[in-house]
Amino acid sequence: MSQSGSPDFLVVIPARLGSTRLPRKPLADIGGKPMVVRVAEQAKKSLAQSVVVATDSAEIQAVCDEHRIECLLTSEDHPTGTDRLAEVTQLLKLPNNALVVNVQGDEPLIPPELINQVAQTLADHQECAISTVAVQIDDEAEIQNPNVVKVVLNRAGEALYFSRAPIPFVRDAGKENKTAPTPHLRHLGIYAYRAEFLQAYTRLDPAPPEKAEALEQLRALWNGYRIAVHIAAQTPPAGVDTPEDLERVRSAFNPS
């Protein structure tokens, strides 16, 4: 436990050079610095004990070195970012109970407090292997959008299921009490893991619901691991997936 009372945790930022929609995305310039550096600098504003970039690219490693960002060169063969995190736990010889927060490499505007919250949530739920974040959504188009991942929780604040479908499905929507509409939660793609789980994850086969929904976190639920979910008060700025997203983020760093 750190002096501030918050849990000790490490931030790892997986960063691959290959990207289909936005080539060489981690190296995209944002206000004079590569995106991956901007993400790391933002993560350093959190309470993390250290921030590490994990990459398969010597070029990304070079720009991290230039900006004094700790970077580990990892295998080119990892099918997922979670597998890359697992290699980091091995390279750093992390103890089983170490908390590792996965910050996506295309989130240069991620609020540092959100990083703190996902780590605190996992620390507070000793029985869980993973924690993540969700935010309430009310827009019907967003609820129906398969690109928006929804999550349903149990009474303990743990995930029951994640889906691209509108869950929970409101069967009698027309008869619903208008003063208490059924809440829908949008899942945000930030996670904290116990290092022990990351090691186990690499030995788990992809699960049937994971393959159906194309949602990696369902592998953990399928295998009986518990996922604690923090409900954020507001949606953080979106990450960078498209050239349009990149221009939006650039304008945030250069408002003039």
C-alpha atoms as a PDB file:
ATOM      1  CA  MET A   1       0.000   0.000   0.000  1.00  0.00           C
ATOM      2  CA  SER A   2       1.370   3.408  -0.966  1.00  0.00           C
ATOM      3  CA  GLN A   3       1.638   6.321   1.437  1.00  0.00           C
ATOM      4  CA  SER A   4      -1.465   7.901  -0.080  1.00  0.00           C
ATOM      5  CA  GLY A   5      -3.544   4.912   1.013  1.00  0.00           C
ATOM      6  CA  SER A   6      -4.058   3.767  -2.569  1.00  0.00           C
ATOM      7  CA  PRO A   7      -2.921   0.293  -3.651  1.00  0.00           C
ATOM      8  CA  ASP A   8       0.448  -0.247  -5.264  1.00  0.00           C
ATOM      9  CA  PHE A   9       0.057  -0.936  -8.964  1.00  0.00           C
ATOM     10  CA  LEU A  10       1.908  -0.907 -12.262  1.00  0.00           C
ATOM     11  CA  VAL A  11       0.570   0.490 -15.549  1.00  0.00           C
ATOM     12  CA  VAL A  12       1.441  -1.438 -18.704  1.00  0.00           C
ATOM     13  CA  ILE A  13       0.696   0.026 -22.127  1.00  0.00           C
ATOM     14  CA  PRO A  14       0.701  -2.591 -24.917  1.00  0.00           C
ATOM     15  CA  ALA A  15       1.723  -0.953 -28.192  1.00  0.00           C
ATOM     16  CA  ARG A  16       1.860  -2.741 -31.542  1.00  0.00           C
ATOM     17  CA  LEU A  17       3.064  -0.938 -34.636  1.00  0.00           C
ATOM     18  CA  GLY A  18       0.641  -2.783 -36.901  1.00  0.00           C
ATOM     19  CA  SER A  19      -2.834  -1.263 -37.206  1.00  0.00           C
ATOM     20  CA  THR A  20      -5.285  -1.858 -40.013  1.00  0.00           C
ATOM     21  CA  ARG A  21      -7.400   1.279 -39.682  1.00  0.00           C
ATOM     22  CA  LEU A  22      -4.610   3.671 -38.741  1.00  0.00           C
ATOM     23  CA  PRO A  23      -1.138   2.508 -39.821  1.00  0.00           C
ATOM     24  CA  ARG A  24       1.718   3.106 -37.365  1.00  0.00           C
ATOM     25  CA  LYS A  25      -0.781   4.498 -34.867  1.00  0.00           C
ATOM     26  CA  PRO A  26       1.465   4.482 -31.738  1.00  0.00           C
ATOM     27  CA  LEU A  27       3.937   6.765 -33.520  1.00  0.00           C
ATOM     28  CA  ALA A  28       1.333   9.237 -34.785  1.00  0.00           C
ATOM     29  CA  ASP A  29       2.370  12.783 -33.878  1.00  0.00           C
ATOM     30  CA  ILE A  30       0.249  14.546 -31.274  1.00  0.00           C
ATOM     31  CA  GLY A  31       1.459  18.018 -30.428  1.00  0.00           C
ATOM     32  CA  GLY A  32       5.067  17.150 -31.200  1.00  0.00           C
ATOM     33  CA  LYS A  33       5.228  13.778 -29.430  1.00  0.00           C
ATOM     34  CA  PRO A  34       4.315  10.244 -30.537  1.00  0.00           C
ATOM     35  CA  MET A  35       0.934   8.992 -29.322  1.00  0.00           C
ATOM     36  CA  VAL A  36       2.446   6.217 -27.209  1.00  0.00           C
ATOM     37  CA  VAL A  37       4.526   8.803 -25.342  1.00  0.00           C
ATOM     38  CA  ARG A  38       1.438  10.952 -24.744  1.00  0.00           C
ATOM     39  CA  VAL A  39      -0.395   7.937 -23.319  1.00  0.00           C
ATOM     40  CA  ALA A  40       2.520   7.099 -21.012  1.00  0.00           C
ATOM     41  CA  GLU A  41       2.793  10.703 -19.830  1.00  0.00           C
ATOM     42  CA  GLN A  42      -0.917  10.730 -19.036  1.00  0.00           C
ATOM     43  CA  ALA A  43      -0.622   7.422 -17.162  1.00  0.00           C
ATOM     44  CA  LYS A  44       2.256   8.860 -15.115  1.00  0.00           C
ATOM     45  CA  LYS A  45      -0.198  11.415 -13.696  1.00  0.00           C
ATOM     46  CA  SER A  46      -1.950   8.527 -11.935  1.00  0.00           C
ATOM     47  CA  LEU A  47      -0.820   6.996  -8.637  1.00  0.00           C
ATOM     48  CA  ALA A  48       0.973   4.132 -10.413  1.00  0.00           C
ATOM     49  CA  GLN A  49       4.357   3.157  -9.009  1.00  0.00           C
ATOM     50  CA  SER A  50       5.661   2.764 -12.555  1.00  0.00           C
ATOM     51  CA  VAL A  51       4.498   2.980 -16.172  1.00  0.00           C
ATOM     52  CA  VAL A  52       5.867   0.581 -18.774  1.00  0.00           C
ATOM     53  CA  VAL A  53       5.260   0.354 -22.512  1.00  0.00           C
ATOM     54  CA  ALA A  54       5.254  -3.214 -23.875  1.00  0.00           C
ATOM     55  CA  THR A  55       5.905  -3.404 -27.599  1.00  0.00           C
ATOM     56  CA  ASP A  56       6.991  -5.703 -30.401  1.00  0.00           C
ATOM     57  CA  SER A  57       8.648  -2.831 -32.267  1.00  0.00           C
ATOM     58  CA  ALA A  58      12.237  -1.607 -31.947  1.00  0.00           C
ATOM     59  CA  GLU A  59      11.028   1.677 -33.432  1.00  0.00           C
ATOM     60  CA  ILE A  60       8.515   2.200 -30.626  1.00  0.00           C
ATOM     61  CA  GLN A  61      11.144   1.216 -28.098  1.00  0.00           C
ATOM     62  CA  ALA A  62      13.491   3.847 -29.559  1.00  0.00           C
ATOM     63  CA  VAL A  63      10.994   6.708 -29.206  1.00  0.00           C
ATOM     64  CA  CYS A  64      10.197   5.607 -25.644  1.00  0.00           C
ATOM     65  CA  ASP A  65      13.904   5.626 -24.817  1.00  0.00           C
ATOM     66  CA  GLU A  66      14.214   9.078 -26.344  1.00  0.00           C
ATOM     67  CA  HIS A  67      11.452  10.397 -24.077  1.00  0.00           C
ATOM     68  CA  ARG A  68      12.661   8.449 -21.021  1.00  0.00           C
ATOM     69  CA  ILE A  69       9.640   6.162 -20.958  1.00  0.00           C
ATOM     70  CA  GLU A  70      10.363   2.668 -19.649  1.00  0.00           C
ATOM     71  CA  CYS A  71       9.784   0.169 -22.463  1.00  0.00           C
ATOM     72  CA  LEU A  72      10.061  -3.613 -22.778  1.00  0.00           C
ATOM     73  CA  LEU A  73      10.523  -5.373 -26.103  1.00  0.00           C
ATOM     74  CA  THR A  74       8.145  -8.334 -26.167  1.00  0.00           C
ATOM     75  CA  SER A  75       7.315 -11.131 -28.593  1.00  0.00           C
ATOM     76  CA  GLU A  76       5.806 -10.427 -32.010  1.00  0.00           C
ATOM     77  CA  ASP A  77       3.606 -13.510 -31.692  1.00  0.00           C
ATOM     78  CA  HIS A  78       1.134 -12.458 -29.005  1.00  0.00           C
ATOM     79  CA  PRO A  79      -2.472 -12.841 -30.216  1.00  0.00           C
ATOM     80  CA  THR A  80      -3.794 -10.307 -27.678  1.00  0.00           C
ATOM     81  CA  GLY A  81      -2.629  -7.428 -25.546  1.00  0.00           C
ATOM     82  CA  THR A  82      -3.380  -9.547 -22.479  1.00  0.00           C
ATOM     83  CA  ASP A  83      -0.830 -12.129 -23.629  1.00  0.00           C
ATOM     84  CA  ARG A  84       1.688  -9.296 -23.970  1.00  0.00           C
ATOM     85  CA  LEU A  85       0.926  -8.218 -20.391  1.00  0.00           C
ATOM     86  CA  ALA A  86       1.550 -11.769 -19.221  1.00  0.00           C
ATOM     87  CA  GLU A  87       5.024 -11.669 -20.758  1.00  0.00           C
ATOM     88  CA  VAL A  88       5.679  -8.401 -18.926  1.00  0.00           C
ATOM     89  CA  THR A  89       4.828 -10.036 -15.596  1.00  0.00           C
ATOM     90  CA  GLN A  90       7.448 -12.677 -16.405  1.00  0.00           C
ATOM     91  CA  LEU A  91      10.102 -10.207 -17.563  1.00  0.00           C
ATOM     92  CA  LEU A  92       9.617  -8.086 -14.430  1.00  0.00           C
ATOM     93  CA  LYS A  93       9.273 -11.149 -12.170  1.00  0.00           C
ATOM     94  CA  LEU A  94       6.149  -9.688 -10.586  1.00  0.00           C
ATOM     95  CA  PRO A  95       4.705 -11.471  -7.535  1.00  0.00           C
ATOM     96  CA  ASN A  96       1.369 -13.239  -7.969  1.00  0.00           C
ATOM     97  CA  ASN A  97      -0.537 -10.570  -6.055  1.00  0.00           C
ATOM     98  CA  ALA A  98       0.861  -7.612  -8.043  1.00  0.00           C
ATOM     99  CA  LEU A  99      -1.788  -5.359  -9.599  1.00  0.00           C
ATOM    100  CA  VAL A 100      -1.287  -4.529 -13.278  1.00  0.00           C
ATOM    101  CA  VAL A 101      -3.429  -1.906 -15.015  1.00  0.00           C
ATOM    102  CA  ASN A 102      -3.710  -2.256 -18.773  1.00  0.00           C
ATOM    103  CA  VAL A 103      -3.998   1.160 -20.444  1.00  0.00           C
ATOM    104  CA  GLN A 104      -4.603   0.981 -24.177  1.00  0.00           C
ATOM    105  CA  GLY A 105      -1.928   2.597 -26.325  1.00  0.00           C
ATOM    106  CA  ASP A 106      -4.465   4.747 -28.173  1.00  0.00           C
ATOM    107  CA  GLU A 107      -5.859   6.600 -25.118  1.00  0.00           C
ATOM    108  CA  PRO A 108      -3.808   9.824 -24.889  1.00  0.00           C
ATOM    109  CA  LEU A 109      -6.653  11.612 -23.067  1.00  0.00           C
ATOM    110  CA  ILE A 110      -7.407   8.910 -20.486  1.00  0.00           C
ATOM    111  CA  PRO A 111      -8.187  10.518 -17.107  1.00  0.00           C
ATOM    112  CA  PRO A 112      -5.516   9.544 -14.546  1.00  0.00           C
ATOM    113  CA  GLU A 113      -8.255   9.191 -11.923  1.00  0.00           C
ATOM    114  CA  LEU A 114      -9.868   6.438 -14.002  1.00  0.00           C
ATOM    115  CA  ILE A 115      -6.597   4.494 -13.801  1.00  0.00           C
ATOM    116  CA  ASN A 116      -6.573   4.946 -10.031  1.00  0.00           C
ATOM    117  CA  GLN A 117     -10.190   3.842  -9.747  1.00  0.00           C
ATOM    118  CA  VAL A 118      -9.770   0.592 -11.670  1.00  0.00           C
ATOM    119  CA  ALA A 119      -6.753  -0.321  -9.516  1.00  0.00           C
ATOM    120  CA  GLN A 120      -8.608   0.563  -6.310  1.00  0.00           C
ATOM    121  CA  THR A 121     -11.604  -1.514  -7.390  1.00  0.00           C
ATOM    122  CA  LEU A 122      -9.472  -4.621  -7.808  1.00  0.00           C
ATOM    123  CA  ALA A 123      -7.724  -3.994  -4.486  1.00  0.00           C
ATOM    124  CA  ASP A 124     -11.126  -3.698  -2.806  1.00  0.00           C
ATOM    125  CA  HIS A 125     -12.395  -6.977  -4.326  1.00  0.00           C
ATOM    126  CA  GLN A 126      -9.925  -9.555  -3.084  1.00  0.00           C
ATOM    127  CA  GLU A 127     -12.008 -12.398  -4.514  1.00  0.00           C
ATOM    128  CA  CYS A 128     -11.791 -10.998  -8.063  1.00  0.00           C
ATOM    129  CA  ALA A 129      -8.990 -11.566 -10.578  1.00  0.00           C
ATOM    130  CA  ILE A 130      -9.855  -8.593 -12.781  1.00  0.00           C
ATOM    131  CA  SER A 131     -11.488  -5.189 -12.509  1.00  0.00           C
ATOM    132  CA  THR A 132     -12.786  -2.914 -15.217  1.00  0.00           C
ATOM    133  CA  VAL A 133     -14.995   0.150 -15.691  1.00  0.00           C
ATOM    134  CA  ALA A 134     -18.466   0.858 -17.029  1.00  0.00           C
ATOM    135  CA  VAL A 135     -20.616   3.955 -17.439  1.00  0.00           C
ATOM    136  CA  GLN A 136     -24.389   4.266 -17.615  1.00  0.00           C
ATOM    137  CA  ILE A 137     -25.864   4.933 -21.057  1.00  0.00           C
ATOM    138  CA  ASP A 138     -29.357   6.118 -21.939  1.00  0.00           C
ATOM    139  CA  ASP A 139     -29.157   6.754 -25.676  1.00  0.00           C
ATOM    140  CA  GLU A 140     -31.135   4.041 -27.469  1.00  0.00           C
ATOM    141  CA  ALA A 141     -28.889   4.111 -30.541  1.00  0.00           C
ATOM    142  CA  GLU A 142     -25.877   3.484 -28.306  1.00  0.00           C
ATOM    143  CA  ILE A 143     -27.666   0.654 -26.501  1.00  0.00           C
ATOM    144  CA  GLN A 144     -28.476  -1.027 -29.831  1.00  0.00           C
ATOM    145  CA  ASN A 145     -25.026  -0.406 -31.390  1.00  0.00           C
ATOM    146  CA  PRO A 146     -23.015  -3.669 -31.583  1.00  0.00           C
ATOM    147  CA  ASN A 147     -19.781  -1.663 -31.432  1.00  0.00           C
ATOM    148  CA  VAL A 148     -20.787  -0.522 -27.942  1.00  0.00           C
ATOM    149  CA  VAL A 149     -20.125  -3.336 -25.469  1.00  0.00           C
ATOM    150  CA  LYS A 150     -22.663  -3.638 -22.657  1.00  0.00           C
ATOM    151  CA  VAL A 151     -22.249  -5.332 -19.279  1.00  0.00           C
ATOM    152  CA  VAL A 152     -24.725  -6.621 -16.697  1.00  0.00           C
ATOM    153  CA  LEU A 153     -23.668  -6.791 -13.032  1.00  0.00           C
ATOM    154  CA  ASN A 154     -24.703  -8.786 -10.004  1.00  0.00           C
ATOM    155  CA  ARG A 155     -25.560  -7.167  -6.683  1.00  0.00           C
ATOM    156  CA  ALA A 156     -21.896  -7.287  -5.609  1.00  0.00           C
ATOM    157  CA  GLY A 157     -20.839  -5.116  -8.547  1.00  0.00           C
ATOM    158  CA  GLU A 158     -19.292  -7.996 -10.483  1.00  0.00           C
ATOM    159  CA  ALA A 159     -19.840  -8.757 -14.162  1.00  0.00           C
ATOM    160  CA  LEU A 160     -22.430 -11.388 -15.049  1.00  0.00           C
ATOM    161  CA  TYR A 161     -21.932 -11.048 -18.799  1.00  0.00           C
ATOM    162  CA  PHE A 162     -20.579  -8.731 -21.484  1.00  0.00           C
ATOM    163  CA  SER A 163     -22.277  -8.475 -24.871  1.00  0.00           C
ATOM    164  CA  ARG A 164     -22.571  -6.476 -28.046  1.00  0.00           C
ATOM    165  CA  ALA A 165     -26.310  -7.070 -27.788  1.00  0.00           C
ATOM    166  CA  PRO A 166     -28.545  -4.701 -25.775  1.00  0.00           C
ATOM    167  CA  ILE A 167     -28.391  -6.347 -22.348  1.00  0.00           C
ATOM    168  CA  PRO A 168     -30.439  -6.503 -20.262  1.00  0.00           C
ATOM    169  CA  PHE A 169     -33.114  -6.891 -22.931  1.00  0.00           C
ATOM    170  CA  VAL A 170     -36.206  -4.992 -21.761  1.00  0.00           C
ATOM    171  CA  ARG A 171     -39.067  -7.248 -22.828  1.00  0.00           C
ATOM    172  CA  ASP A 172     -41.939  -4.958 -21.807  1.00  0.00           C
ATOM    173  CA  ALA A 173     -40.316  -1.662 -22.664  1.00  0.00           C
ATOM    174  CA  GLY A 174     -43.656  -0.007 -23.368  1.00  0.00           C
ATOM    175  CA  LYS A 175     -44.968  -0.900 -19.899  1.00  0.00           C
ATOM    176  CA  GLU A 176     -41.808   0.082 -18.048  1.00  0.00           C
ATOM    177  CA  ASN A 177     -42.054   2.486 -15.142  1.00  0.00           C
ATOM    178  CA  LYS A 178     -40.898   5.751 -16.674  1.00  0.00           C
ATOM    179  CA  THR A 179     -39.528   6.991 -13.341  1.00  0.00           C
ATOM    180  CA  ALA A 180     -37.190   4.003 -13.000  1.00  0.00           C
ATOM    181  CA  PRO A 181     -35.998   2.873 -16.440  1.00  0.00           C
ATOM    182  CA  THR A 182     -33.818  -0.192 -16.679  1.00  0.00           C
ATOM    183  CA  PRO A 183     -30.177   0.973 -16.540  1.00  0.00           C
ATOM    184  CA  HIS A 184     -27.779  -0.051 -19.281  1.00  0.00           C
ATOM    185  CA  LEU A 185     -24.033   0.016 -18.752  1.00  0.00           C
ATOM    186  CA  ARG A 186     -21.402   0.593 -21.399  1.00  0.00           C
ATOM    187  CA  HIS A 187     -18.125  -1.219 -20.806  1.00  0.00           C
ATOM    188  CA  LEU A 188     -14.947   0.865 -21.039  1.00  0.00           C
ATOM    189  CA  GLY A 189     -11.814  -0.972 -22.163  1.00  0.00           C
ATOM    190  CA  ILE A 190      -9.515  -0.426 -19.207  1.00  0.00           C
ATOM    191  CA  TYR A 191      -8.598  -3.342 -16.929  1.00  0.00           C
ATOM    192  CA  ALA A 192      -6.646  -4.134 -13.801  1.00  0.00           C
ATOM    193  CA  TYR A 193      -5.365  -7.692 -13.351  1.00  0.00           C
ATOM    194  CA  ARG A 194      -3.685  -9.716 -10.665  1.00  0.00           C
ATOM    195  CA  ALA A 195      -0.378 -10.968 -12.070  1.00  0.00           C
ATOM    196  CA  GLU A 196      -1.345 -14.518 -11.111  1.00  0.00           C
ATOM    197  CA  PHE A 197      -4.360 -14.352 -13.443  1.00  0.00           C
ATOM    198  CA  LEU A 198      -2.257 -13.035 -16.335  1.00  0.00           C
ATOM    199  CA  GLN A 199      -0.023 -16.085 -16.054  1.00  0.00           C
ATOM    200  CA  ALA A 200      -3.058 -18.385 -16.006  1.00  0.00           C
ATOM    201  CA  TYR A 201      -4.704 -16.579 -18.930  1.00  0.00           C
ATOM    202  CA  THR A 202      -2.043 -17.664 -21.394  1.00  0.00           C
ATOM    203  CA  ARG A 203      -2.999 -21.285 -20.713  1.00  0.00           C
ATOM    204  CA  LEU A 204      -6.747 -20.798 -21.268  1.00  0.00           C
ATOM    205  CA  ASP A 205      -8.328 -21.722 -24.592  1.00  0.00           C
ATOM    206  CA  PRO A 206     -10.628 -19.192 -26.273  1.00  0.00           C
ATOM    207  CA  ALA A 207     -14.161 -19.703 -24.958  1.00  0.00           C
ATOM    208  CA  PRO A 208     -17.295 -20.240 -27.110  1.00  0.00           C
ATOM    209  CA  PRO A 209     -19.001 -16.980 -26.045  1.00  0.00           C
ATOM    210  CA  GLU A 210     -15.716 -15.119 -26.529  1.00  0.00           C
ATOM    211  CA  LYS A 211     -15.511 -16.349 -30.118  1.00  0.00           C
ATOM    212  CA  ALA A 212     -19.183 -15.563 -30.762  1.00  0.00           C
ATOM    213  CA  GLU A 213     -19.036 -12.004 -29.396  1.00  0.00           C
ATOM    214  CA  ALA A 214     -15.363 -11.290 -30.179  1.00  0.00           C
ATOM    215  CA  LEU A 215     -14.933 -10.159 -26.561  1.00  0.00           C
ATOM    216  CA  GLU A 216     -11.773 -11.388 -24.878  1.00  0.00           C
ATOM    217  CA  GLN A 217     -12.998 -10.761 -21.315  1.00  0.00           C
ATOM    218  CA  LEU A 218     -15.600 -13.527 -21.723  1.00  0.00           C
ATOM    219  CA  ARG A 219     -12.756 -16.065 -21.567  1.00  0.00           C
ATOM    220  CA  ALA A 220     -12.219 -15.118 -17.930  1.00  0.00           C
ATOM    221  CA  LEU A 221     -15.921 -15.395 -17.033  1.00  0.00           C
ATOM    222  CA  TRP A 222     -16.237 -18.702 -18.903  1.00  0.00           C
ATOM    223  CA  ASN A 223     -13.439 -20.126 -16.777  1.00  0.00           C
ATOM    224  CA  GLY A 224     -14.925 -18.948 -13.486  1.00  0.00           C
ATOM    225  CA  TYR A 225     -12.820 -15.852 -12.841  1.00  0.00           C
ATOM    226  CA  ARG A 226     -14.638 -12.916 -11.260  1.00  0.00           C
ATOM    227  CA  ILE A 227     -14.540  -9.383 -12.673  1.00  0.00           C
ATOM    228  CA  ALA A 228     -15.272  -6.370 -10.438  1.00  0.00           C
ATOM    229  CA  VAL A 229     -16.767  -3.362 -12.238  1.00  0.00           C
ATOM    230  CA  HIS A 230     -16.395   0.276 -11.202  1.00  0.00           C
ATOM    231  CA  ILE A 231     -19.197   2.564 -12.373  1.00  0.00           C
ATOM    232  CA  ALA A 232     -17.663   5.810 -13.585  1.00  0.00           C
ATOM    233  CA  ALA A 233     -19.580   9.049 -13.159  1.00  0.00           C
ATOM    234  CA  GLN A 234     -18.946  10.142 -16.741  1.00  0.00           C
ATOM    235  CA  THR A 235     -17.630   8.792 -20.008  1.00  0.00           C
ATOM    236  CA  PRO A 236     -13.934   9.594 -20.557  1.00  0.00           C
ATOM    237  CA  PRO A 237     -12.696  10.999 -23.884  1.00  0.00           C
ATOM    238  CA  ALA A 238     -12.684   8.401 -26.647  1.00  0.00           C
ATOM    239  CA  GLY A 239      -9.485   6.783 -27.870  1.00  0.00           C
ATOM    240  CA  VAL A 240      -7.991   6.904 -31.357  1.00  0.00           C
ATOM    241  CA  ASP A 241      -9.262   4.374 -33.905  1.00  0.00           C
ATOM    242  CA  THR A 242      -9.613   6.464 -37.067  1.00  0.00           C
ATOM    243  CA  PRO A 243      -7.933   9.443 -38.775  1.00  0.00           C
ATOM    244  CA  GLU A 244     -10.872  11.548 -37.585  1.00  0.00           C
ATOM    245  CA  ASP A 245     -10.213  10.490 -33.989  1.00  0.00           C
ATOM    246  CA  LEU A 246      -6.575  11.442 -34.388  1.00  0.00           C
ATOM    247  CA  GLU A 247      -7.488  14.942 -35.552  1.00  0.00           C
ATOM    248  CA  ARG A 248      -9.879  15.334 -32.597  1.00  0.00           C
ATOM    249  CA  VAL A 249      -7.125  14.405 -30.136  1.00  0.00           C
ATOM    250  CA  ARG A 250      -4.598  16.637 -31.864  1.00  0.00           C
ATOM    251  CA  SER A 251      -6.978  19.584 -31.484  1.00  0.00           C
ATOM    252  CA  ALA A 252      -7.242  18.838 -27.755  1.00  0.00           C
ATOM    253  CA  PHE A 253      -3.457  19.220 -27.443  1.00  0.00           C
ATOM    254  CA  ASN A 254      -3.394  22.234 -29.770  1.00  0.00           C
ATOM    255  CA  PRO A 255      -6.681  24.061 -29.061  1.00  0.00           C
ATOM    256  CA  SER A 256      -5.654  27.061 -31.161  1.00  0.00           C
END
